[in-house]
C-alpha atoms as a PDB file:
ATOM      1  CA  UNK A   1     -18.751  -0.889   6.922  1.00  0.00           C
ATOM      2  CA  UNK A   2     -18.190  -3.078   3.857  1.00  0.00           C
ATOM      3  CA  UNK A   3     -15.207  -4.907   5.364  1.00  0.00           C
ATOM      4  CA  UNK A   4     -14.838  -4.761   9.121  1.00  0.00           C
ATOM      5  CA  UNK A   5     -12.034  -6.167  11.256  1.00  0.00           C
ATOM      6  CA  UNK A   6     -12.849  -6.148  14.957  1.00  0.00           C
ATOM      7  CA  UNK A   7      -9.931  -6.660  17.360  1.00  0.00           C
ATOM      8  CA  UNK A   8      -8.324  -9.510  15.436  1.00  0.00           C
ATOM      9  CA  UNK A   9      -5.239 -11.125  16.937  1.00  0.00           C
ATOM     10  CA  UNK A  10      -2.846 -13.772  15.643  1.00  0.00           C
ATOM     11  CA  UNK A  11       0.047 -15.261  17.614  1.00  0.00           C
ATOM     12  CA  UNK A  12       2.823 -17.633  16.591  1.00  0.00           C
ATOM     13  CA  UNK A  13       4.556 -19.199  19.607  1.00  0.00           C
ATOM     14  CA  UNK A  14       6.218 -16.222  21.347  1.00  0.00           C
ATOM     15  CA  UNK A  15       5.442 -13.658  18.636  1.00  0.00           C
ATOM     16  CA  UNK A  16       2.225 -11.674  18.244  1.00  0.00           C
ATOM     17  CA  UNK A  17       1.954 -10.981  14.506  1.00  0.00           C
ATOM     18  CA  UNK A  18      -1.318  -9.031  14.725  1.00  0.00           C
ATOM     19  CA  UNK A  19      -2.447  -7.525  18.009  1.00  0.00           C
ATOM     20  CA  UNK A  20      -6.086  -6.476  18.482  1.00  0.00           C
ATOM     21  CA  UNK A  21      -6.345  -4.845  15.060  1.00  0.00           C
ATOM     22  CA  UNK A  22      -9.592  -3.109  14.073  1.00  0.00           C
ATOM     23  CA  UNK A  23     -10.245  -1.652  10.615  1.00  0.00           C
ATOM     24  CA  UNK A  24     -13.357  -0.244   8.963  1.00  0.00           C
ATOM     25  CA  UNK A  25     -13.116  -0.269   5.155  1.00  0.00           C
ATOM     26  CA  UNK A  26     -15.998   1.463   3.345  1.00  0.00           C
ATOM     27  CA  UNK A  27     -17.457   0.286   0.049  1.00  0.00           C
ATOM     28  CA  UNK A  28     -16.039   1.771  -3.152  1.00  0.00           C
ATOM     29  CA  UNK A  29     -12.736   3.146  -1.824  1.00  0.00           C
ATOM     30  CA  UNK A  30      -9.052   2.457  -2.300  1.00  0.00           C
ATOM     31  CA  UNK A  31      -7.679   1.589   1.127  1.00  0.00           C
ATOM     32  CA  UNK A  32      -3.928   1.355   1.614  1.00  0.00           C
ATOM     33  CA  UNK A  33      -2.248  -0.651   4.353  1.00  0.00           C
ATOM     34  CA  UNK A  34       1.310   0.518   4.951  1.00  0.00           C
ATOM     35  CA  UNK A  35       3.965  -0.458   7.440  1.00  0.00           C
ATOM     36  CA  UNK A  36       7.520  -1.743   7.889  1.00  0.00           C
ATOM     37  CA  UNK A  37       8.547  -5.285   6.973  1.00  0.00           C
ATOM     38  CA  UNK A  38       7.177  -7.717   9.518  1.00  0.00           C
ATOM     39  CA  UNK A  39       4.496  -5.292  10.693  1.00  0.00           C
ATOM     40  CA  UNK A  40       1.660  -7.792  10.216  1.00  0.00           C
ATOM     41  CA  UNK A  41       0.181  -6.643   6.890  1.00  0.00           C
ATOM     42  CA  UNK A  42       0.398  -9.991   5.097  1.00  0.00           C
ATOM     43  CA  UNK A  43      -0.867 -11.885   8.151  1.00  0.00           C
ATOM     44  CA  UNK A  44      -3.851  -9.513   8.284  1.00  0.00           C
ATOM     45  CA  UNK A  45      -4.620 -10.099   4.613  1.00  0.00           C
ATOM     46  CA  UNK A  46      -4.361 -13.875   5.038  1.00  0.00           C
ATOM     47  CA  UNK A  47      -6.855 -13.703   7.899  1.00  0.00           C
ATOM     48  CA  UNK A  48      -9.247 -11.660   5.761  1.00  0.00           C
ATOM     49  CA  UNK A  49      -8.920 -14.329   3.060  1.00  0.00           C
ATOM     50  CA  UNK A  50      -9.627 -17.067   5.640  1.00  0.00           C
ATOM     51  CA  UNK A  51      -6.291 -18.702   4.792  1.00  0.00           C
ATOM     52  CA  UNK A  52      -5.388 -18.519   8.478  1.00  0.00           C
ATOM     53  CA  UNK A  53      -7.856 -18.106  11.331  1.00  0.00           C
ATOM     54  CA  UNK A  54      -7.542 -15.338  13.937  1.00  0.00           C
ATOM     55  CA  UNK A  55      -6.931 -16.450  17.519  1.00  0.00           C
ATOM     56  CA  UNK A  56      -9.531 -13.893  18.542  1.00  0.00           C
ATOM     57  CA  UNK A  57     -11.678 -11.171  16.991  1.00  0.00           C
ATOM     58  CA  UNK A  58     -14.048 -11.188  14.028  1.00  0.00           C
ATOM     59  CA  UNK A  59     -13.941 -10.284  10.336  1.00  0.00           C
ATOM     60  CA  UNK A  60     -17.171  -9.234   8.636  1.00  0.00           C
ATOM     61  CA  UNK A  61     -17.745  -8.687   4.921  1.00  0.00           C
ATOM     62  CA  UNK A  62     -20.985  -7.014   3.900  1.00  0.00           C
ATOM     63  CA  UNK A  63     -22.387  -7.736   7.364  1.00  0.00           C
ATOM     64  CA  UNK A  64     -21.513 -11.449   7.472  1.00  0.00           C
ATOM     65  CA  UNK A  65     -18.569 -13.320   8.918  1.00  0.00           C
ATOM     66  CA  UNK A  66     -15.984 -14.235   6.296  1.00  0.00           C
ATOM     67  CA  UNK A  67     -16.249 -17.868   5.203  1.00  0.00           C
ATOM     68  CA  UNK A  68     -15.522 -19.995   2.125  1.00  0.00           C
ATOM     69  CA  UNK A  69     -18.172 -18.221   0.028  1.00  0.00           C
ATOM     70  CA  UNK A  70     -16.252 -14.954   0.390  1.00  0.00           C
ATOM     71  CA  UNK A  71     -13.540 -16.194  -1.981  1.00  0.00           C
ATOM     72  CA  UNK A  72     -15.839 -16.070  -5.002  1.00  0.00           C
ATOM     73  CA  UNK A  73     -16.528 -12.378  -4.343  1.00  0.00           C
ATOM     74  CA  UNK A  74     -12.901 -11.373  -3.947  1.00  0.00           C
ATOM     75  CA  UNK A  75      -9.955 -10.958  -6.274  1.00  0.00           C
ATOM     76  CA  UNK A  76      -6.785 -11.763  -4.330  1.00  0.00           C
ATOM     77  CA  UNK A  77      -3.210 -11.234  -5.471  1.00  0.00           C
ATOM     78  CA  UNK A  78      -0.839 -12.605  -2.806  1.00  0.00           C
ATOM     79  CA  UNK A  79       2.694 -11.415  -2.186  1.00  0.00           C
ATOM     80  CA  UNK A  80       3.988 -14.832  -3.276  1.00  0.00           C
ATOM     81  CA  UNK A  81       3.196 -14.871  -6.990  1.00  0.00           C
ATOM     82  CA  UNK A  82       2.247 -18.166  -8.610  1.00  0.00           C
ATOM     83  CA  UNK A  83       0.945 -19.234 -12.012  1.00  0.00           C
ATOM     84  CA  UNK A  84       0.893 -22.505 -13.931  1.00  0.00           C
ATOM     85  CA  UNK A  85       4.037 -22.104 -16.016  1.00  0.00           C
ATOM     86  CA  UNK A  86       3.249 -24.749 -18.641  1.00  0.00           C
ATOM     87  CA  UNK A  87      -0.132 -23.210 -19.505  1.00  0.00           C
ATOM     88  CA  UNK A  88      -0.588 -20.489 -22.101  1.00  0.00           C
ATOM     89  CA  UNK A  89      -1.854 -17.107 -20.977  1.00  0.00           C
ATOM     90  CA  UNK A  90      -5.301 -17.871 -22.395  1.00  0.00           C
ATOM     91  CA  UNK A  91      -5.420 -21.246 -20.635  1.00  0.00           C
ATOM     92  CA  UNK A  92      -4.375 -19.981 -17.211  1.00  0.00           C
ATOM     93  CA  UNK A  93      -6.831 -17.074 -17.305  1.00  0.00           C
ATOM     94  CA  UNK A  94      -9.668 -19.386 -18.371  1.00  0.00           C
ATOM     95  CA  UNK A  95      -8.825 -21.952 -15.714  1.00  0.00           C
ATOM     96  CA  UNK A  96      -8.630 -19.472 -12.824  1.00  0.00           C
ATOM     97  CA  UNK A  97     -11.802 -17.658 -13.911  1.00  0.00           C
ATOM     98  CA  UNK A  98     -13.575 -21.011 -14.011  1.00  0.00           C
ATOM     99  CA  UNK A  99     -12.485 -21.705 -10.416  1.00  0.00           C
ATOM    100  CA  UNK A 100     -14.262 -18.474  -9.438  1.00  0.00           C
ATOM    101  CA  UNK A 101     -17.448 -19.605 -11.176  1.00  0.00           C
ATOM    102  CA  UNK A 102     -17.221 -16.894 -13.813  1.00  0.00           C
ATOM    103  CA  UNK A 103     -19.231 -17.726 -16.983  1.00  0.00           C
ATOM    104  CA  UNK A 104     -16.975 -19.173 -19.695  1.00  0.00           C
ATOM    105  CA  UNK A 105     -18.482 -16.975 -22.435  1.00  0.00           C
ATOM    106  CA  UNK A 106     -17.735 -13.825 -20.433  1.00  0.00           C
ATOM    107  CA  UNK A 107     -14.197 -15.054 -19.761  1.00  0.00           C
ATOM    108  CA  UNK A 108     -13.567 -15.709 -23.476  1.00  0.00           C
ATOM    109  CA  UNK A 109     -14.852 -12.239 -24.356  1.00  0.00           C
ATOM    110  CA  UNK A 110     -12.762 -10.506 -21.680  1.00  0.00           C
ATOM    111  CA  UNK A 111      -9.365 -12.155 -22.246  1.00  0.00           C
ATOM    112  CA  UNK A 112      -8.224 -10.224 -25.299  1.00  0.00           C
ATOM    113  CA  UNK A 113      -9.329  -6.756 -24.035  1.00  0.00           C
ATOM    114  CA  UNK A 114      -7.617  -7.293 -20.700  1.00  0.00           C
ATOM    115  CA  UNK A 115      -4.380  -8.555 -22.255  1.00  0.00           C
ATOM    116  CA  UNK A 116      -4.446  -5.631 -24.681  1.00  0.00           C
ATOM    117  CA  UNK A 117      -4.827  -3.272 -21.746  1.00  0.00           C
ATOM    118  CA  UNK A 118      -1.832  -4.865 -20.019  1.00  0.00           C
ATOM    119  CA  UNK A 119       0.301  -4.845 -23.191  1.00  0.00           C
ATOM    120  CA  UNK A 120       0.293  -8.667 -23.224  1.00  0.00           C
ATOM    121  CA  UNK A 121      -1.963  -9.357 -26.209  1.00  0.00           C
ATOM    122  CA  UNK A 122       0.810 -10.696 -28.450  1.00  0.00           C
ATOM    123  CA  UNK A 123       1.679 -13.374 -25.858  1.00  0.00           C
ATOM    124  CA  UNK A 124      -1.839 -14.784 -25.444  1.00  0.00           C
ATOM    125  CA  UNK A 125      -0.954 -18.236 -26.823  1.00  0.00           C
ATOM    126  CA  UNK A 126       2.551 -18.423 -25.366  1.00  0.00           C
ATOM    127  CA  UNK A 127       3.389 -20.291 -22.173  1.00  0.00           C
ATOM    128  CA  UNK A 128       3.582 -18.438 -18.887  1.00  0.00           C
ATOM    129  CA  UNK A 129       7.174 -19.583 -18.375  1.00  0.00           C
ATOM    130  CA  UNK A 130       8.216 -17.499 -21.394  1.00  0.00           C
ATOM    131  CA  UNK A 131       7.173 -14.249 -19.706  1.00  0.00           C
ATOM    132  CA  UNK A 132       9.466 -11.899 -17.811  1.00  0.00           C
ATOM    133  CA  UNK A 133       8.815 -11.406 -14.093  1.00  0.00           C
ATOM    134  CA  UNK A 134       7.038  -8.098 -14.651  1.00  0.00           C
ATOM    135  CA  UNK A 135       4.886  -9.514 -17.452  1.00  0.00           C
ATOM    136  CA  UNK A 136       3.919 -12.499 -15.292  1.00  0.00           C
ATOM    137  CA  UNK A 137       2.925 -10.119 -12.519  1.00  0.00           C
ATOM    138  CA  UNK A 138       0.649  -8.208 -14.895  1.00  0.00           C
ATOM    139  CA  UNK A 139      -0.867 -11.491 -16.037  1.00  0.00           C
ATOM    140  CA  UNK A 140      -1.591 -12.489 -12.453  1.00  0.00           C
ATOM    141  CA  UNK A 141      -3.221  -9.101 -11.910  1.00  0.00           C
ATOM    142  CA  UNK A 142      -5.515  -9.867 -14.869  1.00  0.00           C
ATOM    143  CA  UNK A 143      -6.495 -13.200 -13.291  1.00  0.00           C
ATOM    144  CA  UNK A 144      -7.228 -11.314 -10.060  1.00  0.00           C
ATOM    145  CA  UNK A 145      -9.696  -8.810 -11.520  1.00  0.00           C
ATOM    146  CA  UNK A 146     -11.146 -10.370 -14.699  1.00  0.00           C
ATOM    147  CA  UNK A 147     -14.009 -12.163 -12.885  1.00  0.00           C
ATOM    148  CA  UNK A 148     -15.383  -8.780 -11.688  1.00  0.00           C
ATOM    149  CA  UNK A 149     -14.915  -9.256  -7.935  1.00  0.00           C
ATOM    150  CA  UNK A 150     -16.713  -7.019  -5.449  1.00  0.00           C
ATOM    151  CA  UNK A 151     -13.525  -6.458  -3.482  1.00  0.00           C
ATOM    152  CA  UNK A 152      -9.920  -6.650  -4.690  1.00  0.00           C
ATOM    153  CA  UNK A 153      -7.104  -7.426  -2.225  1.00  0.00           C
ATOM    154  CA  UNK A 154      -3.535  -6.900  -3.391  1.00  0.00           C
ATOM    155  CA  UNK A 155      -0.424  -7.678  -1.340  1.00  0.00           C
ATOM    156  CA  UNK A 156       2.544  -5.574  -2.523  1.00  0.00           C
ATOM    157  CA  UNK A 157       1.097  -5.073  -5.996  1.00  0.00           C
ATOM    158  CA  UNK A 158       3.844  -2.651  -7.082  1.00  0.00           C
ATOM    159  CA  UNK A 159       6.794  -4.790  -6.002  1.00  0.00           C
ATOM    160  CA  UNK A 160       9.084  -5.552  -8.951  1.00  0.00           C
ATOM    161  CA  UNK A 161       7.265  -3.351 -11.469  1.00  0.00           C
ATOM    162  CA  UNK A 162       9.006  -0.632 -13.465  1.00  0.00           C
ATOM    163  CA  UNK A 163       7.613   2.950 -13.438  1.00  0.00           C
ATOM    164  CA  UNK A 164       5.665   2.492 -16.695  1.00  0.00           C
ATOM    165  CA  UNK A 165       3.850  -0.584 -15.391  1.00  0.00           C
ATOM    166  CA  UNK A 166       3.289   1.014 -11.981  1.00  0.00           C
ATOM    167  CA  UNK A 167       1.509   3.843 -13.792  1.00  0.00           C
ATOM    168  CA  UNK A 168      -0.464   1.318 -15.853  1.00  0.00           C
ATOM    169  CA  UNK A 169      -1.655  -0.594 -12.769  1.00  0.00           C
ATOM    170  CA  UNK A 170      -2.426   2.667 -10.958  1.00  0.00           C
ATOM    171  CA  UNK A 171      -4.729   3.816 -13.768  1.00  0.00           C
ATOM    172  CA  UNK A 172      -6.506   0.443 -13.874  1.00  0.00           C
ATOM    173  CA  UNK A 173      -7.087   0.560 -10.116  1.00  0.00           C
ATOM    174  CA  UNK A 174      -8.592   4.036 -10.408  1.00  0.00           C
ATOM    175  CA  UNK A 175     -10.887   2.796 -13.184  1.00  0.00           C
ATOM    176  CA  UNK A 176     -11.964  -0.167 -11.036  1.00  0.00           C
ATOM    177  CA  UNK A 177     -12.735   2.177  -8.156  1.00  0.00           C
ATOM    178  CA  UNK A 178     -14.869   4.318 -10.481  1.00  0.00           C
ATOM    179  CA  UNK A 179     -16.781   1.142 -11.355  1.00  0.00           C
ATOM    180  CA  UNK A 180     -17.614   0.736  -7.663  1.00  0.00           C
ATOM    181  CA  UNK A 181     -15.013  -1.853  -6.669  1.00  0.00           C
ATOM    182  CA  UNK A 182     -13.478  -1.779  -3.212  1.00  0.00           C
ATOM    183  CA  UNK A 183      -9.691  -2.120  -3.264  1.00  0.00           C
ATOM    184  CA  UNK A 184      -7.454  -3.001  -0.322  1.00  0.00           C
ATOM    185  CA  UNK A 185      -3.734  -3.152  -0.929  1.00  0.00           C
ATOM    186  CA  UNK A 186      -0.531  -3.257   1.084  1.00  0.00           C
ATOM    187  CA  UNK A 187       2.531  -1.438  -0.151  1.00  0.00           C
ATOM    188  CA  UNK A 188       5.927  -0.041   0.754  1.00  0.00           C
ATOM    189  CA  UNK A 189       5.708   2.501  -2.086  1.00  0.00           C
ATOM    190  CA  UNK A 190       4.534   5.612  -0.251  1.00  0.00           C
ATOM    191  CA  UNK A 191       4.287   7.721  -3.388  1.00  0.00           C
ATOM    192  CA  UNK A 192       1.743   5.330  -4.906  1.00  0.00           C
ATOM    193  CA  UNK A 193      -0.230   5.062  -1.667  1.00  0.00           C
ATOM    194  CA  UNK A 194      -0.430   8.846  -1.507  1.00  0.00           C
ATOM    195  CA  UNK A 195      -1.572   9.131  -5.133  1.00  0.00           C
ATOM    196  CA  UNK A 196      -4.095   6.296  -5.012  1.00  0.00           C
ATOM    197  CA  UNK A 197      -5.640   5.944  -1.598  1.00  0.00           C
ATOM    198  CA  UNK A 198      -8.753   7.465  -0.115  1.00  0.00           C
ATOM    199  CA  UNK A 199      -7.876   5.920   3.254  1.00  0.00           C
ATOM    200  CA  UNK A 200      -4.665   4.572   4.748  1.00  0.00           C
ATOM    201  CA  UNK A 201      -3.772   2.551   7.785  1.00  0.00           C
ATOM    202  CA  UNK A 202      -0.243   2.151   9.090  1.00  0.00           C
ATOM    203  CA  UNK A 203       0.512  -1.029  11.030  1.00  0.00           C
ATOM    204  CA  UNK A 204       3.610  -1.508  13.160  1.00  0.00           C
ATOM    205  CA  UNK A 205       4.380  -4.469  15.449  1.00  0.00           C
ATOM    206  CA  UNK A 206       0.933  -5.836  14.650  1.00  0.00           C
ATOM    207  CA  UNK A 207      -0.903  -2.740  15.881  1.00  0.00           C
ATOM    208  CA  UNK A 208      -2.582   0.168  14.145  1.00  0.00           C
ATOM    209  CA  UNK A 209      -0.633   3.403  14.611  1.00  0.00           C
ATOM    210  CA  UNK A 210      -2.327   5.594  11.980  1.00  0.00           C
ATOM    211  CA  UNK A 211      -5.749   5.343  10.361  1.00  0.00           C
ATOM    212  CA  UNK A 212      -7.948   7.706   8.360  1.00  0.00           C
ATOM    213  CA  UNK A 213      -8.311   9.516   5.082  1.00  0.00           C
ATOM    214  CA  UNK A 214      -5.125  10.897   3.548  1.00  0.00           C
ATOM    215  CA  UNK A 215      -6.293  14.393   4.475  1.00  0.00           C
ATOM    216  CA  UNK A 216      -7.071  13.449   8.078  1.00  0.00           C
ATOM    217  CA  UNK A 217      -3.751  11.673   8.554  1.00  0.00           C
ATOM    218  CA  UNK A 218      -1.789  14.617   7.180  1.00  0.00           C
ATOM    219  CA  UNK A 219      -3.785  17.041   9.314  1.00  0.00           C
ATOM    220  CA  UNK A 220      -2.497  15.231  12.418  1.00  0.00           C
ATOM    221  CA  UNK A 221       1.011  16.337  11.480  1.00  0.00           C
ATOM    222  CA  UNK A 222       0.136  19.968  10.663  1.00  0.00           C
ATOM    223  CA  UNK A 223       1.592  22.258   8.020  1.00  0.00           C
ATOM    224  CA  UNK A 224       5.030  22.375   9.587  1.00  0.00           C
ATOM    225  CA  UNK A 225       6.985  21.064   6.618  1.00  0.00           C
ATOM    226  CA  UNK A 226       8.882  23.081   4.035  1.00  0.00           C
ATOM    227  CA  UNK A 227      10.171  21.791   0.733  1.00  0.00           C
ATOM    228  CA  UNK A 228      13.315  23.499  -0.549  1.00  0.00           C
ATOM    229  CA  UNK A 229      14.688  23.060  -4.056  1.00  0.00           C
ATOM    230  CA  UNK A 230      18.212  24.357  -4.517  1.00  0.00           C
ATOM    231  CA  UNK A 231      21.665  24.127  -6.059  1.00  0.00           C
ATOM    232  CA  UNK A 232      24.578  23.557  -3.721  1.00  0.00           C
ATOM    233  CA  UNK A 233      25.279  21.589  -0.562  1.00  0.00           C
ATOM    234  CA  UNK A 234      22.241  21.820   1.710  1.00  0.00           C
ATOM    235  CA  UNK A 235      23.324  19.472   4.479  1.00  0.00           C
ATOM    236  CA  UNK A 236      23.744  22.398   6.895  1.00  0.00           C
ATOM    237  CA  UNK A 237      19.955  22.859   6.906  1.00  0.00           C
ATOM    238  CA  UNK A 238      19.644  19.793   9.133  1.00  0.00           C
ATOM    239  CA  UNK A 239      21.509  21.644  11.924  1.00  0.00           C
ATOM    240  CA  UNK A 240      19.590  24.935  11.750  1.00  0.00           C
ATOM    241  CA  UNK A 241      17.691  26.016  14.890  1.00  0.00           C
ATOM    242  CA  UNK A 242      14.066  24.893  14.728  1.00  0.00           C
ATOM    243  CA  UNK A 243      14.671  21.973  12.334  1.00  0.00           C
ATOM    244  CA  UNK A 244      13.192  18.786  13.744  1.00  0.00           C
ATOM    245  CA  UNK A 245      14.104  16.467  10.878  1.00  0.00           C
ATOM    246  CA  UNK A 246      15.238  16.647   7.260  1.00  0.00           C
ATOM    247  CA  UNK A 247      14.707  14.146   4.441  1.00  0.00           C
ATOM    248  CA  UNK A 248      17.072  14.487   1.479  1.00  0.00           C
ATOM    249  CA  UNK A 249      16.164  13.813  -2.143  1.00  0.00           C
ATOM    250  CA  UNK A 250      18.205  14.335  -5.307  1.00  0.00           C
ATOM    251  CA  UNK A 251      17.753  18.081  -5.748  1.00  0.00           C
ATOM    252  CA  UNK A 252      15.533  19.114  -2.859  1.00  0.00           C
ATOM    253  CA  UNK A 253      14.864  18.469   0.813  1.00  0.00           C
ATOM    254  CA  UNK A 254      11.757  18.212   2.964  1.00  0.00           C
ATOM    255  CA  UNK A 255      12.259  19.795   6.378  1.00  0.00           C
ATOM    256  CA  UNK A 256      10.020  19.164   9.398  1.00  0.00           C
ATOM    257  CA  UNK A 257      10.007  22.151  11.760  1.00  0.00           C
ATOM    258  CA  UNK A 258       9.707  22.291  15.522  1.00  0.00           C
ATOM    259  CA  UNK A 259       6.495  23.809  16.838  1.00  0.00           C
ATOM    260  CA  UNK A 260       6.723  27.604  16.786  1.00  0.00           C
ATOM    261  CA  UNK A 261       9.496  27.765  14.192  1.00  0.00           C
ATOM    262  CA  UNK A 262       8.778  30.273  11.412  1.00  0.00           C
ATOM    263  CA  UNK A 263       9.449  28.960   7.895  1.00  0.00           C
ATOM    264  CA  UNK A 264      10.919  32.301   6.791  1.00  0.00           C
ATOM    265  CA  UNK A 265      13.794  31.853   9.270  1.00  0.00           C
ATOM    266  CA  UNK A 266      14.780  28.690   7.407  1.00  0.00           C
ATOM    267  CA  UNK A 267      14.441  30.455   4.064  1.00  0.00           C
ATOM    268  CA  UNK A 268      16.661  33.318   5.188  1.00  0.00           C
ATOM    269  CA  UNK A 269      19.391  30.925   6.345  1.00  0.00           C
ATOM    270  CA  UNK A 270      19.180  28.881   3.131  1.00  0.00           C
ATOM    271  CA  UNK A 271      19.296  31.907   0.807  1.00  0.00           C
ATOM    272  CA  UNK A 272      22.609  32.987   2.336  1.00  0.00           C
ATOM    273  CA  UNK A 273      24.329  29.757   1.233  1.00  0.00           C
ATOM    274  CA  UNK A 274      22.307  28.234  -1.630  1.00  0.00           C
ATOM    275  CA  UNK A 275      20.711  29.108  -4.955  1.00  0.00           C
ATOM    276  CA  UNK A 276      17.035  28.520  -4.163  1.00  0.00           C
ATOM    277  CA  UNK A 277      14.737  27.342  -6.971  1.00  0.00           C
ATOM    278  CA  UNK A 278      11.680  26.490  -4.841  1.00  0.00           C
ATOM    279  CA  UNK A 279      10.486  27.100  -1.304  1.00  0.00           C
ATOM    280  CA  UNK A 280       7.060  25.821  -0.282  1.00  0.00           C
ATOM    281  CA  UNK A 281       5.278  25.450   3.037  1.00  0.00           C
ATOM    282  CA  UNK A 282       3.292  22.246   2.798  1.00  0.00           C
ATOM    283  CA  UNK A 283       1.777  19.274   4.541  1.00  0.00           C
ATOM    284  CA  UNK A 284       4.300  16.491   5.138  1.00  0.00           C
ATOM    285  CA  UNK A 285       4.423  13.793   2.476  1.00  0.00           C
ATOM    286  CA  UNK A 286       3.143  10.331   3.330  1.00  0.00           C
ATOM    287  CA  UNK A 287       6.749   9.181   2.963  1.00  0.00           C
ATOM    288  CA  UNK A 288       7.864  11.533   5.757  1.00  0.00           C
ATOM    289  CA  UNK A 289       4.901  10.581   7.937  1.00  0.00           C
ATOM    290  CA  UNK A 290       5.775   6.904   7.449  1.00  0.00           C
ATOM    291  CA  UNK A 291       9.443   7.438   8.343  1.00  0.00           C
ATOM    292  CA  UNK A 292       8.649   9.670  11.310  1.00  0.00           C
ATOM    293  CA  UNK A 293       5.997   7.337  12.739  1.00  0.00           C
ATOM    294  CA  UNK A 294       8.122   4.231  12.209  1.00  0.00           C
ATOM    295  CA  UNK A 295      11.050   5.863  14.047  1.00  0.00           C
ATOM    296  CA  UNK A 296       8.865   6.781  17.014  1.00  0.00           C
ATOM    297  CA  UNK A 297       7.430   3.281  17.150  1.00  0.00           C
ATOM    298  CA  UNK A 298      10.853   1.653  16.979  1.00  0.00           C
ATOM    299  CA  UNK A 299      12.132   3.997  19.695  1.00  0.00           C
ATOM    300  CA  UNK A 300       9.245   2.921  21.953  1.00  0.00           C
ATOM    301  CA  UNK A 301      10.059  -0.730  21.259  1.00  0.00           C
ATOM    302  CA  UNK A 302      13.723  -0.247  22.120  1.00  0.00           C
ATOM    303  CA  UNK A 303      12.745   1.570  25.328  1.00  0.00           C
ATOM    304  CA  UNK A 304      10.476  -1.329  26.323  1.00  0.00           C
ATOM    305  CA  UNK A 305      13.212  -3.872  25.602  1.00  0.00           C
ATOM    306  CA  UNK A 306      15.729  -1.808  27.559  1.00  0.00           C
ATOM    307  CA  UNK A 307      13.304  -1.526  30.458  1.00  0.00           C
ATOM    308  CA  UNK A 308      12.881  -5.285  30.574  1.00  0.00           C
ATOM    309  CA  UNK A 309      16.594  -5.703  31.128  1.00  0.00           C
ATOM    310  CA  UNK A 310      16.792  -3.226  34.006  1.00  0.00           C
END
């Protein structure tokens, strides 16, 4: 594997942030790490970056243990954004590329095309402090990828971006993957993870609870989900026999069925009370898988805590 984590663990006093985590990330894929707040995603990324050292376990990149030389081969965008506010866009890009050892002539040639791509070209000689939050985030993304890293690691890349800029970043990431880059990112935005990722891993309480290709992960949950688009009040669907769980959206619902429940029984009950515009038997969305898995995991945690008090 291109990036391999083997049973890494990190503890802080009485809390285990990452607990025996193993990941195998192939070369040339987009690999998404998802999980609730506090699950251990950022701690995992910081250990990969050698910012903090695991208490146990190993991290290998391209067959070698991660060390200081790894940083020149990686583009890293941390969750805590930070740029030199008094520098111009051109100056901060040049400075950070120079820290990575990227040739100055290549940096100078790449600045304008990258800023054009990010819709920042007109600000090239303005100071960073004059940018909006979203613009600054796009600038930091440019500094992360301009030096042509072998692997790109992004912590909550979509946080704070509007839909247009999310789409822009998504298309750039797909282009980088086509160029052979390996991309690892953490996110809470399930829709983007589902659209982008070849592989996903869900971490909860510092442990891996799901891992595999999008197709493999969905296959674990079967085709026991129906999506119903309708006009009217569909809350009653939640209480129909055979309904395990229902997730509501603006004008449709996704319904997880109990094993053995026939989808047409749900359709028949819905038709009697609603104007149906769409009814589709489908794999569960990554959003539903995330919610369902997180609920199970939290229920197990509460049971353990309750047991400790008995």
